Amino acid sequence: MRIRIALVLACTTLLAGCVSSEEQRARDEEKCRSYGFTKRNDAFAECLQRIELDRRAEFRRRSEFDDWDRPFVVYRPIVVAPSP
């Protein structure tokens, strides 16, 4: 029973982080409107562009520390005993 609850909780947490592109766009537009920009002008478009560029930069920053896509090298020196 505990495993089932933990599994449901984990799935719910994962799905809560998923946002469709339309929802993301609506959030971005709302953020730009809260800054005082109005739709259909260059300043509003630039605001949306900056939000997207910030999102991409944050993704690159996070993926810098993700070692799952890099080769893993193990250094093991071989010690050879000197012959008498």
PDB file of N, CA and C in Angstrom:
ATOM      1  N   MET A   1       0.820  -1.192   0.000  1.00  0.00           N
ATOM      2  CA  MET A   1       0.000   0.000   0.000  1.00  0.00           C
ATOM      3  C   MET A   1       0.864   1.257   0.000  1.00  0.00           C
ATOM      4  N   ARG A   2       1.928   1.246   0.784  1.00  0.00           N
ATOM      5  CA  ARG A   2       2.808   2.409   0.834  1.00  0.00           C
ATOM      6  C   ARG A   2       3.504   2.623  -0.499  1.00  0.00           C
ATOM      7  N   ILE A   3       3.838   1.527  -1.156  1.00  0.00           N
ATOM      8  CA  ILE A   3       4.500   1.645  -2.460  1.00  0.00           C
ATOM      9  C   ILE A   3       3.556   2.291  -3.462  1.00  0.00           C
ATOM     10  N   ARG A   4       2.302   1.899  -3.424  1.00  0.00           N
ATOM     11  CA  ARG A   4       1.315   2.467  -4.345  1.00  0.00           C
ATOM     12  C   ARG A   4       1.153   3.970  -4.104  1.00  0.00           C
ATOM     13  N   ILE A   5       1.090   4.361  -2.851  1.00  0.00           N
ATOM     14  CA  ILE A   5       0.953   5.785  -2.522  1.00  0.00           C
ATOM     15  C   ILE A   5       2.190   6.552  -2.978  1.00  0.00           C
ATOM     16  N   ALA A   6       3.362   5.974  -2.740  1.00  0.00           N
ATOM     17  CA  ALA A   6       4.601   6.633  -3.166  1.00  0.00           C
ATOM     18  C   ALA A   6       4.656   6.758  -4.681  1.00  0.00           C
ATOM     19  N   LEU A   7       4.211   5.728  -5.389  1.00  0.00           N
ATOM     20  CA  LEU A   7       4.208   5.761  -6.850  1.00  0.00           C
ATOM     21  C   LEU A   7       3.242   6.819  -7.377  1.00  0.00           C
ATOM     22  N   VAL A   8       2.064   6.884  -6.817  1.00  0.00           N
ATOM     23  CA  VAL A   8       1.082   7.893  -7.238  1.00  0.00           C
ATOM     24  C   VAL A   8       1.607   9.293  -6.942  1.00  0.00           C
ATOM     25  N   LEU A   9       2.219   9.469  -5.796  1.00  0.00           N
ATOM     26  CA  LEU A   9       2.773  10.769  -5.433  1.00  0.00           C
ATOM     27  C   LEU A   9       3.904  11.173  -6.375  1.00  0.00           C
ATOM     28  N   ALA A  10       4.763  10.218  -6.731  1.00  0.00           N
ATOM     29  CA  ALA A  10       5.862  10.511  -7.651  1.00  0.00           C
ATOM     30  C   ALA A  10       5.338  10.879  -9.037  1.00  0.00           C
ATOM     31  N   CYS A  11       4.356  10.141  -9.528  1.00  0.00           N
ATOM     32  CA  CYS A  11       3.779  10.448 -10.849  1.00  0.00           C
ATOM     33  C   CYS A  11       3.098  11.811 -10.846  1.00  0.00           C
ATOM     34  N   THR A  12       2.393  12.118  -9.786  1.00  0.00           N
ATOM     35  CA  THR A  12       1.725  13.414  -9.689  1.00  0.00           C
ATOM     36  C   THR A  12       2.735  14.552  -9.680  1.00  0.00           C
ATOM     37  N   THR A  13       3.825  14.354  -8.970  1.00  0.00           N
ATOM     38  CA  THR A  13       4.864  15.380  -8.915  1.00  0.00           C
ATOM     39  C   THR A  13       5.490  15.595 -10.283  1.00  0.00           C
ATOM     40  N   LEU A  14       5.759  14.504 -10.994  1.00  0.00           N
ATOM     41  CA  LEU A  14       6.349  14.628 -12.327  1.00  0.00           C
ATOM     42  C   LEU A  14       5.404  15.329 -13.297  1.00  0.00           C
ATOM     43  N   LEU A  15       4.138  14.966 -13.255  1.00  0.00           N
ATOM     44  CA  LEU A  15       3.178  15.565 -14.178  1.00  0.00           C
ATOM     45  C   LEU A  15       2.879  17.019 -13.838  1.00  0.00           C
ATOM     46  N   ALA A  16       3.045  17.401 -12.601  1.00  0.00           N
ATOM     47  CA  ALA A  16       2.800  18.795 -12.216  1.00  0.00           C
ATOM     48  C   ALA A  16       3.823  19.727 -12.848  1.00  0.00           C
ATOM     49  N   GLY A  17       4.996  19.221 -13.158  1.00  0.00           N
ATOM     50  CA  GLY A  17       6.032  20.042 -13.777  1.00  0.00           C
ATOM     51  C   GLY A  17       5.856  20.205 -15.272  1.00  0.00           C
ATOM     52  N   CYS A  18       4.976  19.422 -15.876  1.00  0.00           N
ATOM     53  CA  CYS A  18       4.764  19.504 -17.324  1.00  0.00           C
ATOM     54  C   CYS A  18       3.817  20.656 -17.649  1.00  0.00           C
ATOM     55  N   VAL A  19       4.224  21.479 -18.602  1.00  0.00           N
ATOM     56  CA  VAL A  19       3.405  22.608 -19.029  1.00  0.00           C
ATOM     57  C   VAL A  19       3.391  22.611 -20.549  1.00  0.00           C
ATOM     58  N   SER A  20       2.218  22.779 -21.132  1.00  0.00           N
ATOM     59  CA  SER A  20       2.146  22.828 -22.589  1.00  0.00           C
ATOM     60  C   SER A  20       2.735  24.142 -23.092  1.00  0.00           C
ATOM     61  N   SER A  21       3.067  24.168 -24.363  1.00  0.00           N
ATOM     62  CA  SER A  21       3.663  25.381 -24.928  1.00  0.00           C
ATOM     63  C   SER A  21       2.674  26.552 -24.899  1.00  0.00           C
ATOM     64  N   GLU A  22       1.375  26.257 -25.044  1.00  0.00           N
ATOM     65  CA  GLU A  22       0.373  27.319 -24.984  1.00  0.00           C
ATOM     66  C   GLU A  22       0.297  27.917 -23.579  1.00  0.00           C
ATOM     67  N   GLU A  23       0.352  27.045 -22.562  1.00  0.00           N
ATOM     68  CA  GLU A  23       0.323  27.543 -21.189  1.00  0.00           C
ATOM     69  C   GLU A  23       1.578  28.353 -20.871  1.00  0.00           C
ATOM     70  N   GLN A  24       2.716  27.892 -21.377  1.00  0.00           N
ATOM     71  CA  GLN A  24       3.964  28.620 -21.147  1.00  0.00           C
ATOM     72  C   GLN A  24       3.911  29.990 -21.816  1.00  0.00           C
ATOM     73  N   ARG A  25       3.392  30.034 -23.040  1.00  0.00           N
ATOM     74  CA  ARG A  25       3.267  31.305 -23.760  1.00  0.00           C
ATOM     75  C   ARG A  25       2.332  32.255 -23.014  1.00  0.00           C
ATOM     76  N   ALA A  26       1.221  31.721 -22.497  1.00  0.00           N
ATOM     77  CA  ALA A  26       0.279  32.561 -21.752  1.00  0.00           C
ATOM     78  C   ALA A  26       0.928  33.120 -20.488  1.00  0.00           C
ATOM     79  N   ARG A  27       1.726  32.306 -19.813  1.00  0.00           N
ATOM     80  CA  ARG A  27       2.433  32.790 -18.621  1.00  0.00           C
ATOM     81  C   ARG A  27       3.438  33.882 -18.987  1.00  0.00           C
ATOM     82  N   ASP A  28       4.155  33.664 -20.085  1.00  0.00           N
ATOM     83  CA  ASP A  28       5.133  34.661 -20.519  1.00  0.00           C
ATOM     84  C   ASP A  28       4.452  35.977 -20.882  1.00  0.00           C
ATOM     85  N   GLU A  29       3.335  35.887 -21.609  1.00  0.00           N
ATOM     86  CA  GLU A  29       2.606  37.101 -21.981  1.00  0.00           C
ATOM     87  C   GLU A  29       2.081  37.823 -20.744  1.00  0.00           C
ATOM     88  N   GLU A  30       1.592  37.061 -19.780  1.00  0.00           N
ATOM     89  CA  GLU A  30       1.093  37.672 -18.548  1.00  0.00           C
ATOM     90  C   GLU A  30       2.223  38.365 -17.790  1.00  0.00           C
ATOM     91  N   LYS A  31       3.388  37.752 -17.793  1.00  0.00           N
ATOM     92  CA  LYS A  31       4.531  38.369 -17.115  1.00  0.00           C
ATOM     93  C   LYS A  31       4.905  39.681 -17.791  1.00  0.00           C
ATOM     94  N   CYS A  32       4.927  39.701 -19.126  1.00  0.00           N
ATOM     95  CA  CYS A  32       5.263  40.934 -19.845  1.00  0.00           C
ATOM     96  C   CYS A  32       4.200  42.008 -19.626  1.00  0.00           C
ATOM     97  N   ARG A  33       2.917  41.599 -19.582  1.00  0.00           N
ATOM     98  CA  ARG A  33       1.860  42.567 -19.305  1.00  0.00           C
ATOM     99  C   ARG A  33       1.989  43.129 -17.895  1.00  0.00           C
ATOM    100  N   SER A  34       2.442  42.290 -16.951  1.00  0.00           N
ATOM    101  CA  SER A  34       2.612  42.780 -15.573  1.00  0.00           C
ATOM    102  C   SER A  34       3.753  43.788 -15.483  1.00  0.00           C
ATOM    103  N   TYR A  35       4.682  43.735 -16.436  1.00  0.00           N
ATOM    104  CA  TYR A  35       5.763  44.724 -16.487  1.00  0.00           C
ATOM    105  C   TYR A  35       5.302  46.036 -17.109  1.00  0.00           C
ATOM    106  N   GLY A  36       4.098  46.044 -17.702  1.00  0.00           N
ATOM    107  CA  GLY A  36       3.556  47.269 -18.272  1.00  0.00           C
ATOM    108  C   GLY A  36       3.575  47.310 -19.792  1.00  0.00           C
ATOM    109  N   PHE A  37       4.012  46.248 -20.440  1.00  0.00           N
ATOM    110  CA  PHE A  37       4.028  46.221 -21.903  1.00  0.00           C
ATOM    111  C   PHE A  37       2.645  45.872 -22.425  1.00  0.00           C
ATOM    112  N   THR A  38       2.336  46.402 -23.614  1.00  0.00           N
ATOM    113  CA  THR A  38       1.070  46.069 -24.254  1.00  0.00           C
ATOM    114  C   THR A  38       1.348  45.190 -25.462  1.00  0.00           C
ATOM    115  N   LYS A  39       0.348  44.383 -25.803  1.00  0.00           N
ATOM    116  CA  LYS A  39       0.511  43.454 -26.922  1.00  0.00           C
ATOM    117  C   LYS A  39       0.659  44.196 -28.248  1.00  0.00           C
ATOM    118  N   ARG A  40       1.242  43.486 -29.189  1.00  0.00           N
ATOM    119  CA  ARG A  40       1.361  43.938 -30.577  1.00  0.00           C
ATOM    120  C   ARG A  40       2.287  45.135 -30.744  1.00  0.00           C
ATOM    121  N   ASN A  41       3.381  45.167 -29.993  1.00  0.00           N
ATOM    122  CA  ASN A  41       4.400  46.181 -30.259  1.00  0.00           C
ATOM    123  C   ASN A  41       5.783  45.558 -30.054  1.00  0.00           C
ATOM    124  N   ASP A  42       6.807  46.288 -30.457  1.00  0.00           N
ATOM    125  CA  ASP A  42       8.164  45.739 -30.427  1.00  0.00           C
ATOM    126  C   ASP A  42       8.659  45.482 -29.007  1.00  0.00           C
ATOM    127  N   ALA A  43       8.293  46.330 -28.063  1.00  0.00           N
ATOM    128  CA  ALA A  43       8.750  46.149 -26.684  1.00  0.00           C
ATOM    129  C   ALA A  43       8.184  44.863 -26.082  1.00  0.00           C
ATOM    130  N   PHE A  44       6.923  44.565 -26.402  1.00  0.00           N
ATOM    131  CA  PHE A  44       6.296  43.340 -25.908  1.00  0.00           C
ATOM    132  C   PHE A  44       6.987  42.121 -26.506  1.00  0.00           C
ATOM    133  N   ALA A  45       7.266  42.180 -27.803  1.00  0.00           N
ATOM    134  CA  ALA A  45       7.962  41.074 -28.469  1.00  0.00           C
ATOM    135  C   ALA A  45       9.363  40.886 -27.900  1.00  0.00           C
ATOM    136  N   GLU A  46      10.031  41.985 -27.607  1.00  0.00           N
ATOM    137  CA  GLU A  46      11.376  41.890 -27.023  1.00  0.00           C
ATOM    138  C   GLU A  46      11.320  41.296 -25.617  1.00  0.00           C
ATOM    139  N   CYS A  47      10.290  41.630 -24.866  1.00  0.00           N
ATOM    140  CA  CYS A  47      10.117  41.060 -23.535  1.00  0.00           C
ATOM    141  C   CYS A  47       9.943  39.542 -23.623  1.00  0.00           C
ATOM    142  N   LEU A  48       9.097  39.090 -24.544  1.00  0.00           N
ATOM    143  CA  LEU A  48       8.906  37.650 -24.732  1.00  0.00           C
ATOM    144  C   LEU A  48      10.202  36.974 -25.156  1.00  0.00           C
ATOM    145  N   GLN A  49      10.941  37.641 -26.027  1.00  0.00           N
ATOM    146  CA  GLN A  49      12.204  37.078 -26.498  1.00  0.00           C
ATOM    147  C   GLN A  49      13.207  36.949 -25.353  1.00  0.00           C
ATOM    148  N   ARG A  50      13.273  37.946 -24.508  1.00  0.00           N
ATOM    149  CA  ARG A  50      14.212  37.893 -23.375  1.00  0.00           C
ATOM    150  C   ARG A  50      13.843  36.779 -22.396  1.00  0.00           C
ATOM    151  N   ILE A  51      12.563  36.578 -22.176  1.00  0.00           N
ATOM    152  CA  ILE A  51      12.130  35.493 -21.292  1.00  0.00           C
ATOM    153  C   ILE A  51      12.558  34.152 -21.874  1.00  0.00           C
ATOM    154  N   GLU A  52      12.375  33.971 -23.176  1.00  0.00           N
ATOM    155  CA  GLU A  52      12.769  32.716 -23.827  1.00  0.00           C
ATOM    156  C   GLU A  52      14.280  32.529 -23.788  1.00  0.00           C
ATOM    157  N   LEU A  53      15.035  33.595 -24.014  1.00  0.00           N
ATOM    158  CA  LEU A  53      16.498  33.492 -23.957  1.00  0.00           C
ATOM    159  C   LEU A  53      16.968  33.156 -22.544  1.00  0.00           C
ATOM    160  N   ASP A  54      16.320  33.741 -21.543  1.00  0.00           N
ATOM    161  CA  ASP A  54      16.660  33.406 -20.157  1.00  0.00           C
ATOM    162  C   ASP A  54      16.374  31.937 -19.866  1.00  0.00           C
ATOM    163  N   ARG A  55      15.254  31.432 -20.381  1.00  0.00           N
ATOM    164  CA  ARG A  55      14.896  30.028 -20.171  1.00  0.00           C
ATOM    165  C   ARG A  55      15.935  29.109 -20.811  1.00  0.00           C
ATOM    166  N   ARG A  56      16.365  29.452 -22.023  1.00  0.00           N
ATOM    167  CA  ARG A  56      17.381  28.634 -22.700  1.00  0.00           C
ATOM    168  C   ARG A  56      18.723  28.690 -21.981  1.00  0.00           C
ATOM    169  N   ALA A  57      19.101  29.866 -21.489  1.00  0.00           N
ATOM    170  CA  ALA A  57      20.364  29.996 -20.752  1.00  0.00           C
ATOM    171  C   ALA A  57      20.316  29.181 -19.461  1.00  0.00           C
ATOM    172  N   GLU A  58      19.187  29.186 -18.791  1.00  0.00           N
ATOM    173  CA  GLU A  58      19.041  28.396 -17.567  1.00  0.00           C
ATOM    174  C   GLU A  58      19.136  26.902 -17.877  1.00  0.00           C
ATOM    175  N   PHE A  59      18.555  26.478 -19.007  1.00  0.00           N
ATOM    176  CA  PHE A  59      18.654  25.073 -19.410  1.00  0.00           C
ATOM    177  C   PHE A  59      20.107  24.688 -19.677  1.00  0.00           C
ATOM    178  N   ARG A  60      20.848  25.563 -20.360  1.00  0.00           N
ATOM    179  CA  ARG A  60      22.264  25.278 -20.628  1.00  0.00           C
ATOM    180  C   ARG A  60      23.066  25.226 -19.339  1.00  0.00           C
ATOM    181  N   ARG A  61      22.762  26.122 -18.402  1.00  0.00           N
ATOM    182  CA  ARG A  61      23.479  26.126 -17.128  1.00  0.00           C
ATOM    183  C   ARG A  61      23.235  24.834 -16.363  1.00  0.00           C
ATOM    184  N   ARG A  62      21.989  24.387 -16.354  1.00  0.00           N
ATOM    185  CA  ARG A  62      21.678  23.145 -15.643  1.00  0.00           C
ATOM    186  C   ARG A  62      22.296  21.933 -16.324  1.00  0.00           C
ATOM    187  N   SER A  63      22.314  21.932 -17.645  1.00  0.00           N
ATOM    188  CA  SER A  63      22.849  20.766 -18.348  1.00  0.00           C
ATOM    189  C   SER A  63      24.369  20.704 -18.276  1.00  0.00           C
ATOM    190  N   GLU A  64      25.024  21.795 -17.885  1.00  0.00           N
ATOM    191  CA  GLU A  64      26.476  21.766 -17.693  1.00  0.00           C
ATOM    192  C   GLU A  64      26.869  20.775 -16.618  1.00  0.00           C
ATOM    193  N   PHE A  65      26.045  20.654 -15.606  1.00  0.00           N
ATOM    194  CA  PHE A  65      26.358  19.793 -14.479  1.00  0.00           C
ATOM    195  C   PHE A  65      25.749  18.405 -14.612  1.00  0.00           C
ATOM    196  N   ASP A  66      25.107  18.136 -15.719  1.00  0.00           N
ATOM    197  CA  ASP A  66      24.504  16.832 -15.957  1.00  0.00           C
ATOM    198  C   ASP A  66      25.545  15.933 -16.610  1.00  0.00           C
ATOM    199  N   ASP A  67      26.061  14.985 -15.868  1.00  0.00           N
ATOM    200  CA  ASP A  67      27.135  14.134 -16.372  1.00  0.00           C
ATOM    201  C   ASP A  67      26.638  12.862 -17.044  1.00  0.00           C
ATOM    202  N   TRP A  68      25.347  12.718 -17.242  1.00  0.00           N
ATOM    203  CA  TRP A  68      24.831  11.486 -17.821  1.00  0.00           C
ATOM    204  C   TRP A  68      25.134  11.361 -19.302  1.00  0.00           C
ATOM    205  N   ASP A  69      25.414  12.446 -19.985  1.00  0.00           N
ATOM    206  CA  ASP A  69      25.676  12.366 -21.420  1.00  0.00           C
ATOM    207  C   ASP A  69      27.160  12.449 -21.753  1.00  0.00           C
ATOM    208  N   ARG A  70      28.011  12.393 -20.752  1.00  0.00           N
ATOM    209  CA  ARG A  70      29.450  12.464 -20.978  1.00  0.00           C
ATOM    210  C   ARG A  70      30.082  11.101 -20.726  1.00  0.00           C
ATOM    211  N   PRO A  71      31.207  10.836 -21.383  1.00  0.00           N
ATOM    212  CA  PRO A  71      31.876   9.555 -21.119  1.00  0.00           C
ATOM    213  C   PRO A  71      32.431   9.515 -19.696  1.00  0.00           C
ATOM    214  N   PHE A  72      32.470   8.344 -19.157  1.00  0.00           N
ATOM    215  CA  PHE A  72      32.964   8.148 -17.800  1.00  0.00           C
ATOM    216  C   PHE A  72      34.294   7.420 -17.885  1.00  0.00           C
ATOM    217  N   VAL A  73      35.348   8.053 -17.415  1.00  0.00           N
ATOM    218  CA  VAL A  73      36.686   7.482 -17.499  1.00  0.00           C
ATOM    219  C   VAL A  73      37.162   7.138 -16.094  1.00  0.00           C
ATOM    220  N   VAL A  74      37.635   5.912 -15.948  1.00  0.00           N
ATOM    221  CA  VAL A  74      38.173   5.472 -14.670  1.00  0.00           C
ATOM    222  C   VAL A  74      39.676   5.319 -14.835  1.00  0.00           C
ATOM    223  N   TYR A  75      40.421   5.996 -14.004  1.00  0.00           N
ATOM    224  CA  TYR A  75      41.876   5.914 -14.055  1.00  0.00           C
ATOM    225  C   TYR A  75      42.337   4.911 -13.010  1.00  0.00           C
ATOM    226  N   ARG A  76      42.913   3.823 -13.477  1.00  0.00           N
ATOM    227  CA  ARG A  76      43.446   2.816 -12.570  1.00  0.00           C
ATOM    228  C   ARG A  76      44.892   2.551 -12.954  1.00  0.00           C
ATOM    229  N   PRO A  77      45.819   3.055 -12.176  1.00  0.00           N
ATOM    230  CA  PRO A  77      47.220   2.801 -12.511  1.00  0.00           C
ATOM    231  C   PRO A  77      47.577   1.329 -12.299  1.00  0.00           C
ATOM    232  N   ILE A  78      48.440   0.840 -13.127  1.00  0.00           N
ATOM    233  CA  ILE A  78      48.917  -0.536 -13.012  1.00  0.00           C
ATOM    234  C   ILE A  78      50.295  -0.480 -12.365  1.00  0.00           C
ATOM    235  N   VAL A  79      50.400  -1.113 -11.230  1.00  0.00           N
ATOM    236  CA  VAL A  79      51.664  -1.115 -10.499  1.00  0.00           C
ATOM    237  C   VAL A  79      52.389  -2.417 -10.821  1.00  0.00           C
ATOM    238  N   VAL A  80      53.575  -2.279 -11.336  1.00  0.00           N
ATOM    239  CA  VAL A  80      54.384  -3.449 -11.666  1.00  0.00           C
ATOM    240  C   VAL A  80      55.493  -3.542 -10.622  1.00  0.00           C
ATOM    241  N   ALA A  81      55.552  -4.693  -9.962  1.00  0.00           N
ATOM    242  CA  ALA A  81      56.582  -4.885  -8.938  1.00  0.00           C
ATOM    243  C   ALA A  81      57.943  -5.041  -9.616  1.00  0.00           C
ATOM    244  N   PRO A  82      58.962  -4.418  -9.060  1.00  0.00           N
ATOM    245  CA  PRO A  82      60.290  -4.554  -9.659  1.00  0.00           C
ATOM    246  C   PRO A  82      60.795  -5.988  -9.512  1.00  0.00           C
ATOM    247  N   SER A  83      61.482  -6.438 -10.531  1.00  0.00           N
ATOM    248  CA  SER A  83      62.018  -7.803 -10.473  1.00  0.00           C
ATOM    249  C   SER A  83      63.272  -7.825  -9.599  1.00  0.00           C
ATOM    250  N   PRO A  84      63.451  -8.884  -8.814  1.00  0.00           N
ATOM    251  CA  PRO A  84      64.597  -8.940  -7.890  1.00  0.00           C
ATOM    252  C   PRO A  84      65.929  -9.151  -8.567  1.00  0.00           C
TER     253      PRO A  84
END
